[in-house]
Amino acid sequence: MKNNFNIRKVTGIMDKREFKKLKRRIAINSTLKIIVFSLLAFFITLIWIDFIADDWLANFVYNNATSLYSWCVENKIIIIAFIYIGILIITTYLVIRNSSNNMIEIISAVDSILKEPNHEVHLPDELLSVESQMNNIRVDLISSQNEAKEAMQKKNDLIMYMAHDLKTPLTSIIGYLTLLTDEKEIPKNLQDK
């Protein structure tokens, strides 16, 4: 269980500066990941094609399809460009999928706040500011629920006390009226009084 809950007093939801900073950080991280992983995969592919598999691959293609071999030699730059574009597409997909997973974790955390507000929210390290905000919201939700329970209990107590206060005088009045109707020997002036 992660214990890096950032405790700081916040006066509400993430302000615009923090939101823009988070958005910028996610965009920069995603762009850097795409560039670094694409270039790394591209260079590994180039090294594999040009140095490791050069003789084997060239001999295999030359022996099985001479025209394909000559086409590949003539269009090597185009083939490498298509390989890089493919690697770029795959890398972009993986980075976007990772960001989507982060969004799913945030949605899941919101759901857990609603279902189990007593449990802390834990998100990946890149979303620590969101985690902090969500835990602050969770604490506020618990506080609001407790205040609502207290208000409901106070209302119920007030109704109970009012009912008791109204019942006591009514019981006395009912007792006097019953006495007046049941007792025939009470003089008329005393009954009027």
N, C-alpha and C. Protein backbone atom coordinates (compact mmCIF):
# COMPACT_ATOMS: atom_id res chain seq x y z
N MET A 1 0.85 -1.19 0.00
CA MET A 1 0.00 0.00 0.00
C MET A 1 0.88 1.24 0.00
N LYS A 2 0.61 2.16 -0.89
CA LYS A 2 1.39 3.38 -1.00
C LYS A 2 1.07 4.32 0.15
N ASN A 3 2.11 4.88 0.75
CA ASN A 3 1.90 5.83 1.83
C ASN A 3 2.51 7.18 1.49
N ASN A 4 2.29 7.64 0.27
CA ASN A 4 2.83 8.94 -0.11
C ASN A 4 1.72 9.95 -0.30
N PHE A 5 0.72 9.86 0.57
CA PHE A 5 -0.43 10.77 0.52
C PHE A 5 0.06 12.18 0.86
N ASN A 6 -0.08 13.07 -0.07
CA ASN A 6 0.39 14.43 0.09
C ASN A 6 -0.67 15.23 0.83
N ILE A 7 -0.40 15.53 2.10
CA ILE A 7 -1.38 16.26 2.91
C ILE A 7 -1.08 17.74 2.79
N ARG A 8 -2.02 18.46 2.20
CA ARG A 8 -1.92 19.91 2.15
C ARG A 8 -3.33 20.46 2.08
N LYS A 9 -3.51 21.58 2.71
CA LYS A 9 -4.84 22.19 2.77
C LYS A 9 -5.13 22.85 1.43
N VAL A 10 -6.23 22.48 0.82
CA VAL A 10 -6.63 23.02 -0.47
C VAL A 10 -7.99 23.65 -0.28
N THR A 11 -8.20 24.76 -0.95
CA THR A 11 -9.47 25.47 -0.79
C THR A 11 -10.43 25.13 -1.91
N GLY A 12 -10.49 23.90 -2.31
CA GLY A 12 -11.41 23.51 -3.37
C GLY A 12 -10.72 22.65 -4.40
N ILE A 13 -11.28 22.68 -5.58
CA ILE A 13 -10.76 21.87 -6.67
C ILE A 13 -9.50 22.53 -7.22
N MET A 14 -8.73 21.72 -7.97
CA MET A 14 -7.48 22.17 -8.54
C MET A 14 -7.67 23.50 -9.28
N ASP A 15 -6.83 24.49 -8.95
CA ASP A 15 -6.99 25.78 -9.63
C ASP A 15 -6.43 25.69 -11.06
N LYS A 16 -6.67 26.73 -11.84
CA LYS A 16 -6.33 26.71 -13.26
C LYS A 16 -4.84 26.53 -13.50
N ARG A 17 -4.00 27.14 -12.67
CA ARG A 17 -2.54 27.00 -12.85
C ARG A 17 -2.11 25.56 -12.67
N GLU A 18 -2.60 24.92 -11.60
CA GLU A 18 -2.23 23.53 -11.36
C GLU A 18 -2.74 22.63 -12.47
N PHE A 19 -3.96 22.89 -12.94
CA PHE A 19 -4.53 22.09 -14.02
C PHE A 19 -3.72 22.26 -15.30
N LYS A 20 -3.35 23.49 -15.64
CA LYS A 20 -2.54 23.73 -16.84
C LYS A 20 -1.17 23.08 -16.71
N LYS A 21 -0.60 23.15 -15.50
CA LYS A 21 0.71 22.55 -15.26
C LYS A 21 0.64 21.03 -15.44
N LEU A 22 -0.41 20.41 -14.92
CA LEU A 22 -0.59 18.97 -15.07
C LEU A 22 -0.79 18.61 -16.54
N LYS A 23 -1.61 19.38 -17.22
CA LYS A 23 -1.88 19.11 -18.64
C LYS A 23 -0.59 19.24 -19.46
N ARG A 24 0.18 20.27 -19.19
CA ARG A 24 1.45 20.48 -19.90
C ARG A 24 2.42 19.34 -19.60
N ARG A 25 2.49 18.91 -18.34
CA ARG A 25 3.41 17.84 -17.98
C ARG A 25 3.03 16.53 -18.67
N ILE A 26 1.72 16.23 -18.74
CA ILE A 26 1.27 15.01 -19.41
C ILE A 26 1.59 15.09 -20.90
N ALA A 27 1.38 16.26 -21.53
CA ALA A 27 1.66 16.42 -22.95
C ALA A 27 3.15 16.27 -23.24
N ILE A 28 3.99 16.90 -22.41
CA ILE A 28 5.44 16.82 -22.61
C ILE A 28 5.92 15.39 -22.41
N ASN A 29 5.45 14.73 -21.33
CA ASN A 29 5.86 13.35 -21.08
C ASN A 29 5.45 12.44 -22.23
N SER A 30 4.23 12.60 -22.72
CA SER A 30 3.75 11.77 -23.82
C SER A 30 4.57 12.00 -25.07
N THR A 31 4.84 13.26 -25.40
CA THR A 31 5.63 13.58 -26.59
C THR A 31 7.04 13.03 -26.47
N LEU A 32 7.67 13.21 -25.30
CA LEU A 32 9.02 12.68 -25.11
C LEU A 32 9.06 11.16 -25.22
N LYS A 33 8.06 10.50 -24.63
CA LYS A 33 8.00 9.05 -24.74
C LYS A 33 7.89 8.60 -26.19
N ILE A 34 7.02 9.27 -26.95
CA ILE A 34 6.84 8.91 -28.36
C ILE A 34 8.16 9.10 -29.12
N ILE A 35 8.81 10.24 -28.93
CA ILE A 35 10.06 10.51 -29.65
C ILE A 35 11.15 9.53 -29.25
N VAL A 36 11.37 9.36 -27.95
CA VAL A 36 12.47 8.50 -27.48
C VAL A 36 12.24 7.04 -27.89
N PHE A 37 11.04 6.52 -27.64
CA PHE A 37 10.79 5.12 -27.98
C PHE A 37 10.81 4.89 -29.49
N SER A 38 10.31 5.85 -30.26
CA SER A 38 10.32 5.70 -31.72
C SER A 38 11.74 5.70 -32.25
N LEU A 39 12.55 6.66 -31.78
CA LEU A 39 13.93 6.71 -32.25
C LEU A 39 14.72 5.48 -31.81
N LEU A 40 14.50 5.06 -30.59
CA LEU A 40 15.19 3.87 -30.08
C LEU A 40 14.83 2.64 -30.91
N ALA A 41 13.54 2.44 -31.14
CA ALA A 41 13.10 1.30 -31.95
C ALA A 41 13.60 1.42 -33.38
N PHE A 42 13.63 2.64 -33.92
CA PHE A 42 14.11 2.86 -35.28
C PHE A 42 15.59 2.49 -35.38
N PHE A 43 16.39 2.97 -34.44
CA PHE A 43 17.82 2.66 -34.49
C PHE A 43 18.09 1.18 -34.27
N ILE A 44 17.35 0.55 -33.39
CA ILE A 44 17.51 -0.89 -33.20
C ILE A 44 17.16 -1.63 -34.49
N THR A 45 16.09 -1.19 -35.16
CA THR A 45 15.71 -1.81 -36.44
C THR A 45 16.80 -1.59 -37.49
N LEU A 46 17.33 -0.36 -37.57
CA LEU A 46 18.40 -0.08 -38.53
C LEU A 46 19.63 -0.93 -38.25
N ILE A 47 20.00 -1.02 -36.99
CA ILE A 47 21.17 -1.82 -36.62
C ILE A 47 20.93 -3.27 -37.00
N TRP A 48 19.74 -3.76 -36.75
CA TRP A 48 19.42 -5.15 -37.08
C TRP A 48 19.47 -5.38 -38.59
N ILE A 49 18.87 -4.45 -39.36
CA ILE A 49 18.83 -4.61 -40.82
C ILE A 49 20.22 -4.41 -41.43
N ASP A 50 20.94 -3.36 -41.01
CA ASP A 50 22.22 -3.03 -41.66
C ASP A 50 23.41 -3.83 -41.16
N PHE A 51 23.42 -4.24 -39.90
CA PHE A 51 24.62 -4.87 -39.38
C PHE A 51 24.42 -6.34 -39.00
N ILE A 52 23.37 -6.63 -38.26
CA ILE A 52 23.21 -7.99 -37.76
C ILE A 52 22.68 -8.93 -38.84
N ALA A 53 21.61 -8.54 -39.50
CA ALA A 53 20.97 -9.44 -40.47
C ALA A 53 21.30 -9.07 -41.91
N ASP A 54 22.26 -8.18 -42.11
CA ASP A 54 22.55 -7.69 -43.45
C ASP A 54 22.92 -8.82 -44.41
N ASP A 55 23.91 -9.59 -44.08
CA ASP A 55 24.36 -10.66 -44.97
C ASP A 55 23.30 -11.75 -45.11
N TRP A 56 22.77 -12.19 -44.00
CA TRP A 56 21.78 -13.26 -44.03
C TRP A 56 20.53 -12.84 -44.79
N LEU A 57 19.99 -11.65 -44.44
CA LEU A 57 18.76 -11.16 -45.07
C LEU A 57 18.99 -10.87 -46.55
N ALA A 58 20.10 -10.24 -46.87
CA ALA A 58 20.40 -9.92 -48.28
C ALA A 58 20.55 -11.19 -49.09
N ASN A 59 21.27 -12.17 -48.58
CA ASN A 59 21.44 -13.44 -49.30
C ASN A 59 20.12 -14.17 -49.48
N PHE A 60 19.30 -14.17 -48.43
CA PHE A 60 18.01 -14.86 -48.51
C PHE A 60 17.13 -14.24 -49.58
N VAL A 61 17.00 -12.89 -49.56
CA VAL A 61 16.17 -12.21 -50.54
C VAL A 61 16.76 -12.35 -51.94
N TYR A 62 18.08 -12.23 -52.07
CA TYR A 62 18.74 -12.33 -53.39
C TYR A 62 18.55 -13.72 -53.99
N ASN A 63 18.67 -14.78 -53.17
CA ASN A 63 18.54 -16.15 -53.67
C ASN A 63 17.10 -16.50 -54.02
N ASN A 64 16.11 -15.93 -53.32
CA ASN A 64 14.71 -16.31 -53.55
C ASN A 64 13.99 -15.36 -54.52
N ALA A 65 14.38 -14.10 -54.55
CA ALA A 65 13.72 -13.15 -55.44
C ALA A 65 14.69 -12.04 -55.80
N THR A 66 15.33 -12.20 -56.91
CA THR A 66 16.35 -11.23 -57.34
C THR A 66 15.73 -9.87 -57.62
N SER A 67 14.55 -9.86 -58.22
CA SER A 67 13.91 -8.57 -58.52
C SER A 67 13.51 -7.85 -57.22
N LEU A 68 13.06 -8.60 -56.23
CA LEU A 68 12.73 -7.99 -54.93
C LEU A 68 13.98 -7.42 -54.29
N TYR A 69 15.09 -8.13 -54.42
CA TYR A 69 16.36 -7.66 -53.86
C TYR A 69 16.76 -6.33 -54.50
N SER A 70 16.69 -6.25 -55.84
CA SER A 70 17.08 -5.01 -56.51
C SER A 70 16.12 -3.88 -56.15
N TRP A 71 14.82 -4.18 -56.02
CA TRP A 71 13.85 -3.15 -55.64
C TRP A 71 14.16 -2.63 -54.23
N CYS A 72 14.48 -3.55 -53.31
CA CYS A 72 14.80 -3.16 -51.93
C CYS A 72 16.05 -2.29 -51.88
N VAL A 73 17.05 -2.62 -52.66
CA VAL A 73 18.29 -1.83 -52.67
C VAL A 73 18.02 -0.44 -53.23
N GLU A 74 17.23 -0.37 -54.30
CA GLU A 74 16.93 0.93 -54.91
C GLU A 74 16.04 1.80 -54.02
N ASN A 75 15.16 1.19 -53.24
CA ASN A 75 14.18 1.93 -52.43
C ASN A 75 14.43 1.78 -50.92
N LYS A 76 15.67 1.64 -50.55
CA LYS A 76 16.01 1.42 -49.14
C LYS A 76 15.51 2.56 -48.25
N ILE A 77 15.64 3.79 -48.71
CA ILE A 77 15.22 4.95 -47.90
C ILE A 77 13.70 4.93 -47.71
N ILE A 78 12.95 4.58 -48.75
CA ILE A 78 11.48 4.52 -48.63
C ILE A 78 11.08 3.40 -47.66
N ILE A 79 11.74 2.27 -47.77
CA ILE A 79 11.44 1.15 -46.85
C ILE A 79 11.73 1.56 -45.42
N ILE A 80 12.85 2.21 -45.19
CA ILE A 80 13.22 2.66 -43.83
C ILE A 80 12.20 3.69 -43.34
N ALA A 81 11.74 4.59 -44.23
CA ALA A 81 10.73 5.58 -43.84
C ALA A 81 9.43 4.89 -43.43
N PHE A 82 9.01 3.88 -44.19
CA PHE A 82 7.80 3.14 -43.82
C PHE A 82 7.98 2.40 -42.50
N ILE A 83 9.14 1.85 -42.28
CA ILE A 83 9.41 1.16 -41.00
C ILE A 83 9.32 2.18 -39.85
N TYR A 84 9.92 3.37 -40.06
CA TYR A 84 9.86 4.39 -39.00
C TYR A 84 8.43 4.86 -38.76
N ILE A 85 7.66 5.05 -39.82
CA ILE A 85 6.26 5.47 -39.66
C ILE A 85 5.48 4.40 -38.90
N GLY A 86 5.73 3.13 -39.23
CA GLY A 86 5.07 2.04 -38.51
C GLY A 86 5.44 2.03 -37.04
N ILE A 87 6.73 2.21 -36.76
CA ILE A 87 7.19 2.25 -35.37
C ILE A 87 6.57 3.46 -34.66
N LEU A 88 6.50 4.61 -35.34
CA LEU A 88 5.90 5.81 -34.75
C LEU A 88 4.43 5.59 -34.44
N ILE A 89 3.71 4.94 -35.33
CA ILE A 89 2.29 4.66 -35.10
C ILE A 89 2.11 3.73 -33.91
N ILE A 90 2.91 2.67 -33.85
CA ILE A 90 2.81 1.72 -32.73
C ILE A 90 3.17 2.40 -31.41
N THR A 91 4.23 3.19 -31.41
CA THR A 91 4.64 3.89 -30.19
C THR A 91 3.57 4.88 -29.74
N THR A 92 3.01 5.63 -30.69
CA THR A 92 1.95 6.58 -30.35
C THR A 92 0.75 5.86 -29.75
N TYR A 93 0.39 4.73 -30.35
CA TYR A 93 -0.73 3.94 -29.83
C TYR A 93 -0.44 3.51 -28.38
N LEU A 94 0.75 3.02 -28.12
CA LEU A 94 1.08 2.55 -26.77
C LEU A 94 1.07 3.69 -25.75
N VAL A 95 1.57 4.86 -26.13
CA VAL A 95 1.57 6.01 -25.22
C VAL A 95 0.14 6.48 -24.95
N ILE A 96 -0.68 6.52 -26.00
CA ILE A 96 -2.08 6.93 -25.81
C ILE A 96 -2.81 5.91 -24.96
N ARG A 97 -2.53 4.63 -25.17
CA ARG A 97 -3.15 3.59 -24.35
C ARG A 97 -2.77 3.76 -22.88
N ASN A 98 -1.51 4.11 -22.62
CA ASN A 98 -1.07 4.35 -21.25
C ASN A 98 -1.81 5.53 -20.64
N SER A 99 -1.98 6.61 -21.42
CA SER A 99 -2.74 7.77 -20.92
C SER A 99 -4.19 7.39 -20.68
N SER A 100 -4.75 6.56 -21.56
CA SER A 100 -6.13 6.09 -21.37
C SER A 100 -6.24 5.27 -20.10
N ASN A 101 -5.24 4.45 -19.83
CA ASN A 101 -5.24 3.67 -18.59
C ASN A 101 -5.23 4.59 -17.37
N ASN A 102 -4.48 5.69 -17.46
CA ASN A 102 -4.48 6.66 -16.36
C ASN A 102 -5.87 7.26 -16.17
N MET A 103 -6.54 7.57 -17.28
CA MET A 103 -7.90 8.12 -17.18
C MET A 103 -8.85 7.10 -16.56
N ILE A 104 -8.69 5.83 -16.93
CA ILE A 104 -9.53 4.78 -16.36
C ILE A 104 -9.26 4.66 -14.86
N GLU A 105 -8.00 4.79 -14.45
CA GLU A 105 -7.68 4.73 -13.02
C GLU A 105 -8.31 5.91 -12.28
N ILE A 106 -8.32 7.09 -12.90
CA ILE A 106 -8.94 8.26 -12.27
C ILE A 106 -10.44 8.04 -12.13
N ILE A 107 -11.08 7.53 -13.18
CA ILE A 107 -12.52 7.27 -13.13
C ILE A 107 -12.82 6.21 -12.07
N SER A 108 -11.98 5.19 -12.01
CA SER A 108 -12.15 4.15 -10.99
C SER A 108 -11.99 4.72 -9.59
N ALA A 109 -11.05 5.64 -9.43
CA ALA A 109 -10.83 6.27 -8.12
C ALA A 109 -12.04 7.11 -7.71
N VAL A 110 -12.63 7.82 -8.68
CA VAL A 110 -13.84 8.61 -8.38
C VAL A 110 -14.96 7.67 -7.95
N ASP A 111 -15.09 6.55 -8.66
CA ASP A 111 -16.11 5.56 -8.30
C ASP A 111 -15.87 5.02 -6.89
N SER A 112 -14.61 4.75 -6.56
CA SER A 112 -14.31 4.22 -5.22
C SER A 112 -14.58 5.26 -4.14
N ILE A 113 -14.38 6.55 -4.46
CA ILE A 113 -14.70 7.61 -3.49
C ILE A 113 -16.19 7.60 -3.19
N LEU A 114 -16.99 7.41 -4.23
CA LEU A 114 -18.44 7.41 -4.02
C LEU A 114 -18.90 6.17 -3.27
N LYS A 115 -18.29 5.01 -3.56
CA LYS A 115 -18.72 3.76 -2.93
C LYS A 115 -18.11 3.56 -1.55
N GLU A 116 -16.83 3.86 -1.41
CA GLU A 116 -16.11 3.64 -0.15
C GLU A 116 -15.29 4.87 0.20
N PRO A 117 -15.93 5.91 0.71
CA PRO A 117 -15.19 7.15 0.97
C PRO A 117 -14.16 7.04 2.10
N ASN A 118 -14.19 5.98 2.88
CA ASN A 118 -13.23 5.85 3.98
C ASN A 118 -11.87 5.34 3.53
N HIS A 119 -11.76 4.87 2.27
CA HIS A 119 -10.49 4.35 1.76
C HIS A 119 -9.78 5.44 0.95
N GLU A 120 -8.47 5.57 1.18
CA GLU A 120 -7.68 6.56 0.45
C GLU A 120 -7.58 6.18 -1.02
N VAL A 121 -7.43 7.20 -1.86
CA VAL A 121 -7.24 7.00 -3.29
C VAL A 121 -5.74 6.88 -3.56
N HIS A 122 -5.37 5.92 -4.40
CA HIS A 122 -3.97 5.75 -4.80
C HIS A 122 -3.89 5.69 -6.32
N LEU A 123 -3.10 6.59 -6.89
CA LEU A 123 -2.92 6.68 -8.34
C LEU A 123 -1.43 6.55 -8.65
N PRO A 124 -1.08 6.35 -9.93
CA PRO A 124 0.34 6.27 -10.30
C PRO A 124 1.08 7.56 -9.93
N ASP A 125 2.41 7.44 -9.83
CA ASP A 125 3.23 8.57 -9.40
C ASP A 125 3.07 9.80 -10.29
N GLU A 126 2.81 9.61 -11.57
CA GLU A 126 2.67 10.75 -12.47
C GLU A 126 1.38 11.54 -12.22
N LEU A 127 0.49 10.97 -11.41
CA LEU A 127 -0.79 11.63 -11.11
C LEU A 127 -0.91 11.98 -9.63
N LEU A 128 0.21 12.27 -8.97
CA LEU A 128 0.18 12.56 -7.53
C LEU A 128 -0.66 13.79 -7.20
N SER A 129 -0.62 14.81 -8.04
CA SER A 129 -1.41 16.01 -7.75
C SER A 129 -2.90 15.69 -7.86
N VAL A 130 -3.29 14.85 -8.80
CA VAL A 130 -4.69 14.44 -8.93
C VAL A 130 -5.08 13.59 -7.72
N GLU A 131 -4.17 12.70 -7.31
CA GLU A 131 -4.42 11.86 -6.14
C GLU A 131 -4.66 12.72 -4.90
N SER A 132 -3.84 13.74 -4.73
CA SER A 132 -3.97 14.64 -3.58
C SER A 132 -5.33 15.34 -3.61
N GLN A 133 -5.70 15.85 -4.78
CA GLN A 133 -6.98 16.54 -4.91
C GLN A 133 -8.14 15.59 -4.63
N MET A 134 -8.05 14.37 -5.14
CA MET A 134 -9.14 13.41 -4.93
C MET A 134 -9.25 13.02 -3.46
N ASN A 135 -8.13 12.89 -2.78
CA ASN A 135 -8.18 12.57 -1.35
C ASN A 135 -8.75 13.75 -0.56
N ASN A 136 -8.46 14.98 -0.99
CA ASN A 136 -9.07 16.15 -0.34
C ASN A 136 -10.58 16.15 -0.56
N ILE A 137 -11.00 15.82 -1.76
CA ILE A 137 -12.44 15.74 -2.06
C ILE A 137 -13.07 14.65 -1.21
N ARG A 138 -12.37 13.52 -1.06
CA ARG A 138 -12.88 12.40 -0.26
C ARG A 138 -13.06 12.84 1.20
N VAL A 139 -12.09 13.56 1.74
CA VAL A 139 -12.19 14.05 3.13
C VAL A 139 -13.36 15.02 3.26
N ASP A 140 -13.51 15.91 2.26
CA ASP A 140 -14.64 16.85 2.28
C ASP A 140 -15.97 16.10 2.21
N LEU A 141 -16.03 15.04 1.40
CA LEU A 141 -17.25 14.24 1.28
C LEU A 141 -17.59 13.59 2.61
N ILE A 142 -16.60 13.02 3.28
CA ILE A 142 -16.84 12.39 4.58
C ILE A 142 -17.33 13.43 5.58
N SER A 143 -16.70 14.61 5.57
CA SER A 143 -17.11 15.68 6.47
C SER A 143 -18.55 16.11 6.19
N SER A 144 -18.89 16.26 4.91
CA SER A 144 -20.26 16.65 4.54
C SER A 144 -21.27 15.58 4.95
N GLN A 145 -20.91 14.32 4.76
CA GLN A 145 -21.81 13.24 5.17
C GLN A 145 -22.02 13.24 6.68
N ASN A 146 -20.94 13.46 7.44
CA ASN A 146 -21.07 13.52 8.89
C ASN A 146 -21.93 14.70 9.33
N GLU A 147 -21.74 15.86 8.68
CA GLU A 147 -22.56 17.03 9.01
C GLU A 147 -24.03 16.77 8.68
N ALA A 148 -24.28 16.08 7.56
CA ALA A 148 -25.67 15.77 7.18
C ALA A 148 -26.29 14.81 8.21
N LYS A 149 -25.51 13.83 8.67
CA LYS A 149 -26.02 12.90 9.69
C LYS A 149 -26.34 13.65 10.99
N GLU A 150 -25.43 14.56 11.37
CA GLU A 150 -25.66 15.34 12.59
C GLU A 150 -26.91 16.22 12.46
N ALA A 151 -27.07 16.84 11.30
CA ALA A 151 -28.25 17.69 11.07
C ALA A 151 -29.52 16.85 11.13
N MET A 152 -29.50 15.65 10.54
CA MET A 152 -30.66 14.77 10.56
C MET A 152 -30.97 14.35 12.00
N GLN A 153 -29.94 14.04 12.77
CA GLN A 153 -30.15 13.64 14.16
C GLN A 153 -30.71 14.81 14.98
N LYS A 154 -30.20 16.02 14.74
CA LYS A 154 -30.72 17.20 15.44
C LYS A 154 -32.19 17.43 15.09
N LYS A 155 -32.53 17.25 13.81
CA LYS A 155 -33.92 17.43 13.38
C LYS A 155 -34.81 16.40 14.06
N ASN A 156 -34.38 15.14 14.09
CA ASN A 156 -35.17 14.09 14.74
C ASN A 156 -35.33 14.36 16.23
N ASP A 157 -34.24 14.81 16.87
CA ASP A 157 -34.32 15.14 18.30
C ASP A 157 -35.28 16.31 18.53
N LEU A 158 -35.24 17.32 17.69
CA LEU A 158 -36.13 18.47 17.82
C LEU A 158 -37.59 18.03 17.70
N ILE A 159 -37.87 17.18 16.71
CA ILE A 159 -39.25 16.70 16.53
C ILE A 159 -39.70 15.90 17.75
N MET A 160 -38.80 15.06 18.27
CA MET A 160 -39.14 14.25 19.45
C MET A 160 -39.42 15.15 20.66
N TYR A 161 -38.56 16.16 20.87
CA TYR A 161 -38.76 17.05 22.01
C TYR A 161 -40.03 17.89 21.84
N MET A 162 -40.28 18.35 20.63
CA MET A 162 -41.50 19.12 20.39
C MET A 162 -42.74 18.26 20.63
N ALA A 163 -42.69 17.02 20.18
CA ALA A 163 -43.83 16.11 20.38
C ALA A 163 -44.05 15.90 21.88
N HIS A 164 -42.97 15.73 22.61
CA HIS A 164 -43.10 15.55 24.05
C HIS A 164 -43.67 16.81 24.72
N ASP A 165 -43.14 17.98 24.30
CA ASP A 165 -43.62 19.23 24.89
C ASP A 165 -45.09 19.49 24.55
N LEU A 166 -45.52 19.12 23.36
CA LEU A 166 -46.93 19.29 23.01
C LEU A 166 -47.81 18.25 23.70
N LYS A 167 -47.30 17.08 23.87
CA LYS A 167 -48.09 15.99 24.46
C LYS A 167 -48.40 16.25 25.93
N THR A 168 -47.47 16.81 26.66
CA THR A 168 -47.65 17.03 28.09
C THR A 168 -48.83 17.99 28.38
N PRO A 169 -48.90 19.16 27.76
CA PRO A 169 -50.07 20.02 28.04
C PRO A 169 -51.37 19.42 27.50
N LEU A 170 -51.31 18.73 26.38
CA LEU A 170 -52.51 18.12 25.83
C LEU A 170 -53.04 17.04 26.77
N THR A 171 -52.15 16.32 27.40
CA THR A 171 -52.57 15.29 28.35
C THR A 171 -53.29 15.94 29.53
N SER A 172 -52.79 17.06 30.00
CA SER A 172 -53.45 17.77 31.11
C SER A 172 -54.83 18.26 30.69
N ILE A 173 -54.92 18.83 29.50
CA ILE A 173 -56.21 19.35 29.01
C ILE A 173 -57.20 18.19 28.85
N ILE A 174 -56.74 17.09 28.28
CA ILE A 174 -57.63 15.92 28.11
C ILE A 174 -58.08 15.41 29.47
N GLY A 175 -57.17 15.40 30.42
CA GLY A 175 -57.53 14.96 31.78
C GLY A 175 -58.60 15.84 32.40
N TYR A 176 -58.45 17.19 32.26
CA TYR A 176 -59.46 18.10 32.81
C TYR A 176 -60.80 17.94 32.10
N LEU A 177 -60.77 17.81 30.77
CA LEU A 177 -62.03 17.63 30.02
C LEU A 177 -62.72 16.32 30.41
N THR A 178 -61.96 15.28 30.59
CA THR A 178 -62.53 14.00 31.01
C THR A 178 -63.14 14.13 32.40
N LEU A 179 -62.48 14.82 33.29
CA LEU A 179 -62.98 15.04 34.63
C LEU A 179 -64.30 15.81 34.58
N LEU A 180 -64.39 16.85 33.76
CA LEU A 180 -65.60 17.65 33.65
C LEU A 180 -66.77 16.84 33.10
N THR A 181 -66.51 15.97 32.13
CA THR A 181 -67.61 15.21 31.53
C THR A 181 -68.00 14.01 32.38
N ASP A 182 -67.07 13.43 33.10
CA ASP A 182 -67.38 12.23 33.87
C ASP A 182 -67.97 12.54 35.25
N GLU A 183 -67.53 13.61 35.83
CA GLU A 183 -67.98 13.97 37.17
C GLU A 183 -69.19 14.89 37.07
N LYS A 184 -70.35 14.38 37.45
CA LYS A 184 -71.59 15.15 37.38
C LYS A 184 -71.81 16.00 38.63
N GLU A 185 -71.10 15.76 39.69
CA GLU A 185 -71.34 16.44 40.94
C GLU A 185 -70.56 17.73 41.10
N ILE A 186 -69.81 18.11 40.09
CA ILE A 186 -69.05 19.36 40.16
C ILE A 186 -70.02 20.51 39.89
N PRO A 187 -70.01 21.53 40.76
CA PRO A 187 -70.95 22.63 40.57
C PRO A 187 -70.68 23.37 39.24
N LYS A 188 -71.72 24.02 38.74
CA LYS A 188 -71.68 24.68 37.43
C LYS A 188 -70.65 25.80 37.42
N ASN A 189 -70.55 26.62 38.44
CA ASN A 189 -69.57 27.71 38.46
C ASN A 189 -68.14 27.18 38.48
N LEU A 190 -67.91 26.03 39.15
CA LEU A 190 -66.59 25.41 39.17
C LEU A 190 -66.27 24.80 37.79
N GLN A 191 -67.31 24.25 37.17
CA GLN A 191 -67.09 23.70 35.81
C GLN A 191 -66.72 24.84 34.85
N ASP A 192 -67.40 25.97 34.96
CA ASP A 192 -67.09 27.09 34.08
C ASP A 192 -65.68 27.63 34.34
N LYS A 193 -65.33 27.65 35.60
CA LYS A 193 -63.99 28.13 35.97
C LYS A 193 -62.95 27.19 35.44
